[in-house]
């Protein structure tokens, strides 16, 4: 465990969706994929406050519409059913009815209200779900609270991902231990706004859906919306959180003395999952973190950081271990942010490349050695204000083209 001293927040070793009290999950092979698990569910023992953020892609998939309708009814969820292999996107009325059917089948299976069920799908766009396999798969779901159950769910939601993504954090609020756990999938079509992945968070905190939604939206712009793999925004994906209140703390509001602790917990979980997604970008060999300081505003700092990490020229230079800081300058200059062309500093790791927009002498051998590492950090200081921001991404390799050239095969 590592202790984050600011709010005495602890990262839970091997934490996941089941780390908070009162949640169960599982994943099964329903036959949508050749062999791997492809259908999963998260269940809260009791109805939970719920909030979500959704892709801004204009072709929102049917599952997102059904989930929005479920949450809008009472702000409460008790189950989330998820399938991989088929996105159920751009499938018209039939796709919408299939998403509704997934919701009703899950409701019947676990004896909970239909509008307490959220639906999510990921996979190939423009194909219809095999509802016979979906129905049989839902009937075979048997959620539990063992680590193997968490792994089953995490496996079931993957598409081109190489690794599963999960985390959990805990902190003390009102003398009660509050825990937030999470799982996510995402590897390609990653340029959230919001979002291009599936992210699921569970917590045992007592909080209303309205305040939960406010907290989630405040965190998203600093975490999931600050990652990019390929600049493409998907049709399907979302980040969803359920809070079942079993920790027994006083209800959290922005006026609660420990509100900042809760937001920090949520931020840590979202940032952890976001970075795992960036690291697992299709064909990626390196995680890239860009930190911008001295911007006119925090918003401009975040925008510039994401512009840099999303630049194909920067990404390919990092893949080739080429310390070509000119590509970083080029990415910065493309933005409409406030910039003084005479005051920019750039460093790759601890190696200074540019000082007050003047090139620094550095060792190419040392720079290449650093750029061969699996985690690369780029630092930029604009010296025009106090805004700071970070973004995460990955390099762009030959394998990215190979993976996406045969995505449906």
Protein backbone atom coordinates (compact mmCIF):
# COMPACT_ATOMS: atom_id res chain seq x y z
CA UNK A 1 0.00 0.00 0.00
CA UNK A 2 1.09 3.58 -0.64
CA UNK A 3 -0.04 6.42 1.58
CA UNK A 4 -1.16 9.65 -0.07
CA UNK A 5 -0.62 12.07 2.77
CA UNK A 6 -2.77 15.00 1.68
CA UNK A 7 -6.03 13.44 2.85
CA UNK A 8 -4.61 10.22 4.34
CA UNK A 9 -5.84 8.28 1.34
CA UNK A 10 -4.61 4.72 0.93
CA UNK A 11 -4.29 2.86 -2.35
CA UNK A 12 -5.52 -0.69 -1.82
CA UNK A 13 -3.19 -3.34 -3.19
CA UNK A 14 -4.96 -5.38 -5.90
CA UNK A 15 -8.10 -3.30 -5.29
CA UNK A 16 -11.10 -3.55 -7.57
CA UNK A 17 -14.86 -3.06 -7.83
CA UNK A 18 -15.41 -5.35 -4.86
CA UNK A 19 -13.20 -3.40 -2.45
CA UNK A 20 -16.12 -1.23 -1.22
CA UNK A 21 -18.80 -2.88 0.92
CA UNK A 22 -21.89 -4.43 -0.62
CA UNK A 23 -20.99 -5.15 -4.24
CA UNK A 24 -20.79 -8.35 -6.27
CA UNK A 25 -19.76 -8.99 -9.84
CA UNK A 26 -18.90 -11.69 -12.35
CA UNK A 27 -18.25 -12.41 -16.01
CA UNK A 28 -19.18 -15.32 -18.28
CA UNK A 29 -18.64 -16.55 -21.82
CA UNK A 30 -21.99 -16.08 -23.54
CA UNK A 31 -20.67 -16.95 -27.00
CA UNK A 32 -20.41 -13.44 -28.44
CA UNK A 33 -16.65 -13.99 -28.70
CA UNK A 34 -14.92 -17.17 -29.76
CA UNK A 35 -13.66 -18.22 -26.37
CA UNK A 36 -13.12 -15.34 -23.95
CA UNK A 37 -15.63 -14.05 -21.43
CA UNK A 38 -17.91 -11.46 -23.00
CA UNK A 39 -20.76 -10.68 -20.59
CA UNK A 40 -20.52 -9.26 -17.09
CA UNK A 41 -22.58 -7.69 -14.35
CA UNK A 42 -22.07 -5.50 -11.29
CA UNK A 43 -24.64 -5.82 -8.51
CA UNK A 44 -25.12 -3.66 -5.42
CA UNK A 45 -26.74 -5.39 -2.46
CA UNK A 46 -29.06 -2.40 -2.11
CA UNK A 47 -30.16 0.37 -4.51
CA UNK A 48 -27.33 2.87 -4.95
CA UNK A 49 -27.10 6.52 -5.90
CA UNK A 50 -25.81 6.68 -9.47
CA UNK A 51 -24.17 9.11 -11.85
CA UNK A 52 -22.54 8.84 -15.26
CA UNK A 53 -20.90 10.83 -18.01
CA UNK A 54 -21.22 9.84 -21.66
CA UNK A 55 -19.48 10.12 -25.00
CA UNK A 56 -20.09 13.35 -26.92
CA UNK A 57 -20.04 11.46 -30.21
CA UNK A 58 -23.26 12.34 -32.08
CA UNK A 59 -23.89 8.66 -32.81
CA UNK A 60 -24.51 7.63 -29.21
CA UNK A 61 -25.13 3.91 -29.01
CA UNK A 62 -28.42 2.41 -27.82
CA UNK A 63 -27.04 1.15 -24.46
CA UNK A 64 -26.09 4.70 -23.47
CA UNK A 65 -29.59 5.94 -24.19
CA UNK A 66 -31.11 3.18 -22.05
CA UNK A 67 -28.66 3.89 -19.21
CA UNK A 68 -29.45 7.60 -19.33
CA UNK A 69 -33.15 6.78 -19.10
CA UNK A 70 -32.56 4.47 -16.13
CA UNK A 71 -30.55 7.01 -14.15
CA UNK A 72 -32.88 9.89 -15.04
CA UNK A 73 -35.86 8.09 -13.48
CA UNK A 74 -34.73 8.11 -9.84
CA UNK A 75 -30.96 8.64 -9.88
CA UNK A 76 -30.61 5.10 -8.56
CA UNK A 77 -29.05 1.89 -9.92
CA UNK A 78 -28.58 -1.58 -8.51
CA UNK A 79 -27.07 -3.39 -11.50
CA UNK A 80 -24.94 -2.76 -14.57
CA UNK A 81 -24.90 -5.37 -17.34
CA UNK A 82 -22.11 -5.16 -19.90
CA UNK A 83 -21.23 -7.08 -23.06
CA UNK A 84 -18.16 -6.96 -25.27
CA UNK A 85 -17.72 -8.06 -28.93
CA UNK A 86 -20.67 -6.00 -30.19
CA UNK A 87 -21.16 -2.25 -29.59
CA UNK A 88 -24.87 -2.23 -30.50
CA UNK A 89 -24.20 1.17 -32.10
CA UNK A 90 -25.79 2.53 -35.30
CA UNK A 91 -28.34 -0.28 -35.09
CA UNK A 92 -31.54 1.80 -35.21
CA UNK A 93 -34.78 0.80 -33.51
CA UNK A 94 -33.78 -2.82 -33.27
CA UNK A 95 -30.62 -1.92 -31.37
CA UNK A 96 -32.57 0.24 -28.94
CA UNK A 97 -35.09 -2.55 -28.32
CA UNK A 98 -32.24 -5.01 -27.80
CA UNK A 99 -30.69 -2.71 -25.17
CA UNK A 100 -34.07 -2.46 -23.45
CA UNK A 101 -34.29 -6.25 -23.54
CA UNK A 102 -30.88 -6.57 -21.90
CA UNK A 103 -32.17 -4.30 -19.15
CA UNK A 104 -35.39 -6.24 -18.63
CA UNK A 105 -33.64 -9.63 -18.68
CA UNK A 106 -31.21 -8.45 -16.01
CA UNK A 107 -34.05 -6.99 -13.98
CA UNK A 108 -35.92 -10.31 -14.04
CA UNK A 109 -32.81 -12.37 -13.30
CA UNK A 110 -31.92 -10.42 -10.15
CA UNK A 111 -35.46 -9.36 -9.12
CA UNK A 112 -34.79 -5.63 -9.20
CA UNK A 113 -36.61 -2.72 -10.83
CA UNK A 114 -35.95 -2.25 -14.54
CA UNK A 115 -34.92 1.37 -14.12
CA UNK A 116 -32.37 0.23 -11.54
CA UNK A 117 -30.40 -1.46 -14.35
CA UNK A 118 -27.80 0.22 -16.57
CA UNK A 119 -26.63 -1.26 -19.87
CA UNK A 120 -23.25 -0.97 -21.59
CA UNK A 121 -21.82 -2.53 -24.74
CA UNK A 122 -18.46 -2.39 -26.48
CA UNK A 123 -17.07 -3.89 -29.65
CA UNK A 124 -17.78 -3.67 -33.37
CA UNK A 125 -20.08 -0.86 -34.53
CA UNK A 126 -23.01 -1.57 -36.86
CA UNK A 127 -23.68 -5.18 -35.90
CA UNK A 128 -26.75 -6.48 -34.08
CA UNK A 129 -26.53 -8.28 -30.77
CA UNK A 130 -27.20 -12.01 -30.72
CA UNK A 131 -30.02 -11.75 -28.22
CA UNK A 132 -30.38 -15.49 -27.76
CA UNK A 133 -26.80 -15.68 -26.54
CA UNK A 134 -27.28 -12.53 -24.46
CA UNK A 135 -30.39 -14.00 -22.80
CA UNK A 136 -28.69 -17.31 -22.03
CA UNK A 137 -25.63 -15.49 -20.77
CA UNK A 138 -27.63 -13.29 -18.39
CA UNK A 139 -29.34 -16.36 -16.99
CA UNK A 140 -25.94 -17.93 -16.26
CA UNK A 141 -24.62 -14.90 -14.33
CA UNK A 142 -23.89 -15.72 -10.69
CA UNK A 143 -22.21 -12.71 -9.04
CA UNK A 144 -19.90 -13.14 -6.08
CA UNK A 145 -17.47 -11.10 -4.00
CA UNK A 146 -14.28 -13.10 -4.53
CA UNK A 147 -11.25 -11.78 -6.38
CA UNK A 148 -11.97 -14.28 -9.15
CA UNK A 149 -15.41 -12.69 -9.59
CA UNK A 150 -13.81 -9.27 -10.07
CA UNK A 151 -11.35 -10.71 -12.57
CA UNK A 152 -14.23 -12.39 -14.41
CA UNK A 153 -15.97 -9.07 -14.90
CA UNK A 154 -12.77 -7.25 -15.85
CA UNK A 155 -12.06 -9.92 -18.48
CA UNK A 156 -15.58 -9.83 -19.91
CA UNK A 157 -15.45 -6.12 -20.80
CA UNK A 158 -12.17 -6.20 -22.75
CA UNK A 159 -11.88 -5.76 -26.52
CA UNK A 160 -8.40 -5.13 -27.94
CA UNK A 161 -7.04 -4.48 -24.44
CA UNK A 162 -3.92 -6.41 -23.52
CA UNK A 163 -4.37 -6.09 -19.75
CA UNK A 164 -7.21 -5.71 -17.25
CA UNK A 165 -7.55 -2.37 -15.49
CA UNK A 166 -8.66 -1.97 -11.87
CA UNK A 167 -7.84 -0.07 -8.68
CA UNK A 168 -9.25 0.97 -5.31
CA UNK A 169 -8.61 3.65 -2.70
CA UNK A 170 -9.87 4.26 0.83
CA UNK A 171 -10.01 7.23 3.18
CA UNK A 172 -11.66 8.26 6.44
CA UNK A 173 -14.79 10.42 6.48
CA UNK A 174 -16.67 11.07 9.75
CA UNK A 175 -14.57 8.36 11.33
CA UNK A 176 -15.87 5.89 8.74
CA UNK A 177 -13.68 4.19 6.17
CA UNK A 178 -14.90 5.08 2.68
CA UNK A 179 -13.71 3.00 -0.25
CA UNK A 180 -13.89 3.59 -3.99
CA UNK A 181 -13.13 0.76 -6.42
CA UNK A 182 -13.00 0.73 -10.18
CA UNK A 183 -12.55 -1.21 -13.39
CA UNK A 184 -12.18 0.01 -16.95
CA UNK A 185 -11.60 -1.06 -20.52
CA UNK A 186 -10.09 0.92 -23.32
CA UNK A 187 -7.25 0.60 -25.76
CA UNK A 188 -8.25 2.19 -29.06
CA UNK A 189 -10.62 4.97 -30.14
CA UNK A 190 -9.38 6.86 -27.10
CA UNK A 191 -9.77 10.64 -27.11
CA UNK A 192 -12.36 11.22 -24.36
CA UNK A 193 -14.67 14.14 -24.28
CA UNK A 194 -16.51 12.19 -22.49
CA UNK A 195 -15.47 9.38 -23.14
CA UNK A 196 -14.03 6.64 -25.28
CA UNK A 197 -13.82 3.83 -22.85
CA UNK A 198 -15.96 2.06 -20.30
CA UNK A 199 -15.22 2.97 -16.71
CA UNK A 200 -17.13 1.62 -13.72
CA UNK A 201 -16.72 2.84 -10.15
CA UNK A 202 -18.25 1.56 -6.92
CA UNK A 203 -18.24 3.19 -3.51
CA UNK A 204 -19.86 2.59 -0.14
CA UNK A 205 -20.09 6.33 0.61
CA UNK A 206 -23.40 7.97 1.54
CA UNK A 207 -24.06 10.60 -1.13
CA UNK A 208 -27.06 11.66 -3.23
CA UNK A 209 -27.05 11.13 -6.98
CA UNK A 210 -27.01 14.89 -7.60
CA UNK A 211 -23.91 15.45 -5.50
CA UNK A 212 -22.31 12.28 -6.88
CA UNK A 213 -22.90 13.58 -10.40
CA UNK A 214 -21.37 16.94 -9.51
CA UNK A 215 -18.28 15.26 -8.06
CA UNK A 216 -17.87 12.96 -11.06
CA UNK A 217 -18.17 15.80 -13.56
CA UNK A 218 -15.63 17.89 -11.64
CA UNK A 219 -13.14 15.02 -11.70
CA UNK A 220 -13.59 13.87 -15.31
CA UNK A 221 -11.95 16.89 -16.94
CA UNK A 222 -8.75 16.29 -14.96
CA UNK A 223 -8.60 12.53 -15.49
CA UNK A 224 -10.42 10.54 -18.19
CA UNK A 225 -10.78 13.57 -20.47
CA UNK A 226 -7.01 14.09 -20.31
CA UNK A 227 -5.99 10.88 -22.04
CA UNK A 228 -5.63 10.17 -25.74
CA UNK A 229 -4.41 7.22 -27.77
CA UNK A 230 -5.43 7.98 -31.33
CA UNK A 231 -7.64 11.08 -31.35
CA UNK A 232 -10.83 9.16 -32.15
CA UNK A 233 -13.96 9.45 -30.02
CA UNK A 234 -16.17 6.37 -29.78
CA UNK A 235 -19.94 5.96 -29.96
CA UNK A 236 -20.50 3.90 -26.86
CA UNK A 237 -18.56 4.65 -23.85
CA UNK A 238 -19.09 6.16 -20.46
CA UNK A 239 -17.90 6.35 -16.90
CA UNK A 240 -20.48 5.28 -14.33
CA UNK A 241 -20.38 5.32 -10.53
CA UNK A 242 -22.66 3.71 -7.93
CA UNK A 243 -22.68 4.69 -4.24
CA UNK A 244 -24.62 2.34 -1.95
CA UNK A 245 -24.07 4.17 1.35
CA UNK A 246 -23.10 1.10 3.38
CA UNK A 247 -20.15 2.92 4.98
CA UNK A 248 -22.64 4.86 7.11
CA UNK A 249 -21.00 8.29 6.95
CA UNK A 250 -22.99 11.52 7.18
CA UNK A 251 -24.36 12.35 3.70
CA UNK A 252 -21.69 13.99 1.58
CA UNK A 253 -22.35 17.42 0.08
CA UNK A 254 -20.02 20.19 -1.14
CA UNK A 255 -20.49 21.76 2.32
CA UNK A 256 -19.39 18.64 4.20
CA UNK A 257 -16.08 19.09 6.02
CA UNK A 258 -14.71 15.98 4.28
CA UNK A 259 -16.05 16.73 0.79
CA UNK A 260 -12.51 17.33 -0.49
CA UNK A 261 -11.45 13.92 0.79
CA UNK A 262 -14.20 12.23 -1.18
CA UNK A 263 -13.36 14.18 -4.33
CA UNK A 264 -9.70 13.27 -3.87
CA UNK A 265 -10.64 9.59 -3.54
CA UNK A 266 -12.67 9.78 -6.73
CA UNK A 267 -9.90 11.68 -8.50
CA UNK A 268 -7.25 9.12 -7.54
CA UNK A 269 -9.40 6.23 -8.78
CA UNK A 270 -10.27 7.94 -12.08
CA UNK A 271 -6.70 9.07 -12.72
CA UNK A 272 -5.34 5.60 -11.99
CA UNK A 273 -7.76 3.96 -14.44
CA UNK A 274 -7.18 6.65 -17.06
CA UNK A 275 -3.42 6.14 -16.93
CA UNK A 276 -3.86 2.38 -17.22
CA UNK A 277 -5.93 2.92 -20.37
CA UNK A 278 -3.29 5.22 -21.86
CA UNK A 279 -0.55 2.73 -21.04
CA UNK A 280 -2.53 -0.04 -22.77
CA UNK A 281 -3.11 1.93 -25.98
CA UNK A 282 -3.29 -0.32 -29.02
CA UNK A 283 0.24 -1.27 -29.98
CA UNK A 284 1.70 1.02 -27.32
CA UNK A 285 5.12 0.43 -25.83
CA UNK A 286 5.31 3.51 -23.56
CA UNK A 287 3.08 5.60 -21.31
CA UNK A 288 3.56 9.32 -21.91
CA UNK A 289 2.71 11.97 -19.30
CA UNK A 290 2.79 15.65 -20.20
CA UNK A 291 2.73 18.29 -17.47
CA UNK A 292 2.21 21.94 -18.42
CA UNK A 293 2.90 24.79 -16.00
CA UNK A 294 2.73 28.54 -16.33
CA UNK A 295 -0.29 28.62 -18.63
CA UNK A 296 -2.79 31.47 -18.60
CA UNK A 297 -5.51 29.22 -17.10
CA UNK A 298 -5.77 25.61 -15.89
CA UNK A 299 -8.06 24.88 -18.85
CA UNK A 300 -5.42 26.07 -21.31
CA UNK A 301 -2.76 24.05 -19.50
CA UNK A 302 -4.85 20.89 -19.83
CA UNK A 303 -5.62 21.63 -23.47
CA UNK A 304 -1.95 22.15 -24.35
CA UNK A 305 -0.90 19.02 -22.47
CA UNK A 306 -3.44 16.95 -24.39
CA UNK A 307 -2.43 18.58 -27.68
CA UNK A 308 1.16 17.48 -27.09
CA UNK A 309 0.40 13.95 -26.00
CA UNK A 310 -2.05 13.56 -28.89
CA UNK A 311 0.33 14.72 -31.61
CA UNK A 312 1.16 11.87 -33.97
CA UNK A 313 4.56 13.43 -34.61
CA UNK A 314 5.33 13.54 -30.89
CA UNK A 315 4.01 10.01 -30.43
CA UNK A 316 6.11 8.58 -33.26
CA UNK A 317 9.22 10.42 -32.05
CA UNK A 318 8.76 8.85 -28.62
CA UNK A 319 8.28 5.42 -30.20
CA UNK A 320 11.58 5.93 -32.02
CA UNK A 321 13.32 7.34 -28.92
CA UNK A 322 14.05 10.55 -30.83
CA UNK A 323 14.39 13.61 -28.59
CA UNK A 324 12.85 15.88 -31.23
CA UNK A 325 11.58 18.72 -29.03
CA UNK A 326 10.64 20.68 -32.15
CA UNK A 327 7.59 18.46 -32.47
CA UNK A 328 6.54 19.48 -28.97
CA UNK A 329 6.91 23.15 -29.85
CA UNK A 330 4.91 22.53 -33.02
CA UNK A 331 2.07 20.98 -31.03
CA UNK A 332 2.02 23.89 -28.58
CA UNK A 333 2.00 26.43 -31.39
CA UNK A 334 -1.06 24.86 -33.02
CA UNK A 335 -3.26 25.83 -30.07
CA UNK A 336 -5.09 29.10 -29.53
CA UNK A 337 -3.75 29.32 -25.98
CA UNK A 338 -1.99 32.40 -24.67
CA UNK A 339 1.71 31.85 -25.39
CA UNK A 340 4.80 34.03 -25.31
CA UNK A 341 7.07 32.56 -28.01
CA UNK A 342 10.11 33.84 -26.09
CA UNK A 343 9.51 32.24 -22.68
CA UNK A 344 8.87 28.52 -23.23
CA UNK A 345 10.81 25.84 -21.32
CA UNK A 346 10.74 22.16 -22.32
CA UNK A 347 12.26 19.14 -20.61
CA UNK A 348 12.03 15.44 -21.37
CA UNK A 349 12.46 13.74 -18.05
CA UNK A 350 15.19 15.69 -16.27
CA UNK A 351 16.86 16.61 -19.53
CA UNK A 352 16.36 20.29 -20.42
CA UNK A 353 15.70 20.81 -24.12
CA UNK A 354 14.61 24.43 -24.25
CA UNK A 355 15.02 27.38 -21.86
CA UNK A 356 13.25 30.68 -22.56
CA UNK A 357 12.65 29.35 -26.10
CA UNK A 358 16.39 28.91 -26.62
CA UNK A 359 17.81 25.42 -27.34
CA UNK A 360 19.83 23.79 -24.58
CA UNK A 361 22.87 21.60 -25.12
CA UNK A 362 22.07 18.01 -24.10
CA UNK A 363 23.38 14.51 -24.58
CA UNK A 364 21.58 12.66 -27.38
CA UNK A 365 22.76 9.38 -25.89
CA UNK A 366 21.31 10.26 -22.48
CA UNK A 367 18.06 11.41 -24.10
CA UNK A 368 17.70 8.23 -26.15
CA UNK A 369 18.39 6.13 -23.07
CA UNK A 370 15.61 7.95 -21.20
CA UNK A 371 13.18 7.65 -24.13
CA UNK A 372 13.71 3.88 -24.16
CA UNK A 373 12.05 3.66 -20.72
CA UNK A 374 8.42 2.46 -20.45
CA UNK A 375 7.19 5.70 -18.82
CA UNK A 376 8.10 9.03 -20.38
CA UNK A 377 7.44 12.44 -18.81
CA UNK A 378 7.47 15.72 -20.70
CA UNK A 379 7.51 19.04 -18.84
CA UNK A 380 6.51 22.39 -20.33
CA UNK A 381 6.55 25.80 -18.62
CA UNK A 382 5.00 28.65 -20.60
CA UNK A 383 5.75 31.41 -18.06
CA UNK A 384 2.59 33.37 -18.86
CA UNK A 385 0.38 32.56 -15.85
CA UNK A 386 -0.32 30.13 -13.02
CA UNK A 387 -2.33 27.47 -14.84
CA UNK A 388 -1.22 23.85 -14.56
CA UNK A 389 -2.49 20.67 -16.16
CA UNK A 390 -1.57 17.12 -17.11
CA UNK A 391 -2.46 14.67 -19.88
CA UNK A 392 -1.60 11.05 -20.60
CA UNK A 393 -1.16 9.07 -23.76
CA UNK A 394 1.15 6.60 -25.44
CA UNK A 395 3.53 6.24 -28.33
CA UNK A 396 2.36 5.31 -31.82
CA UNK A 397 3.86 2.06 -33.06
CA UNK A 398 3.66 -0.16 -36.14
CA UNK A 399 1.36 -2.50 -34.23
CA UNK A 400 -1.35 0.17 -33.93
CA UNK A 401 -1.85 0.00 -37.71
CA UNK A 402 -1.78 -3.81 -37.70
CA UNK A 403 -4.40 -4.04 -34.93
CA UNK A 404 -6.81 -1.58 -36.52
CA UNK A 405 -6.31 -2.87 -40.07
CA UNK A 406 -7.80 -6.20 -38.97
CA UNK A 407 -10.15 -5.13 -36.15
CA UNK A 408 -13.18 -7.06 -37.49
CA UNK A 409 -11.28 -10.19 -38.52
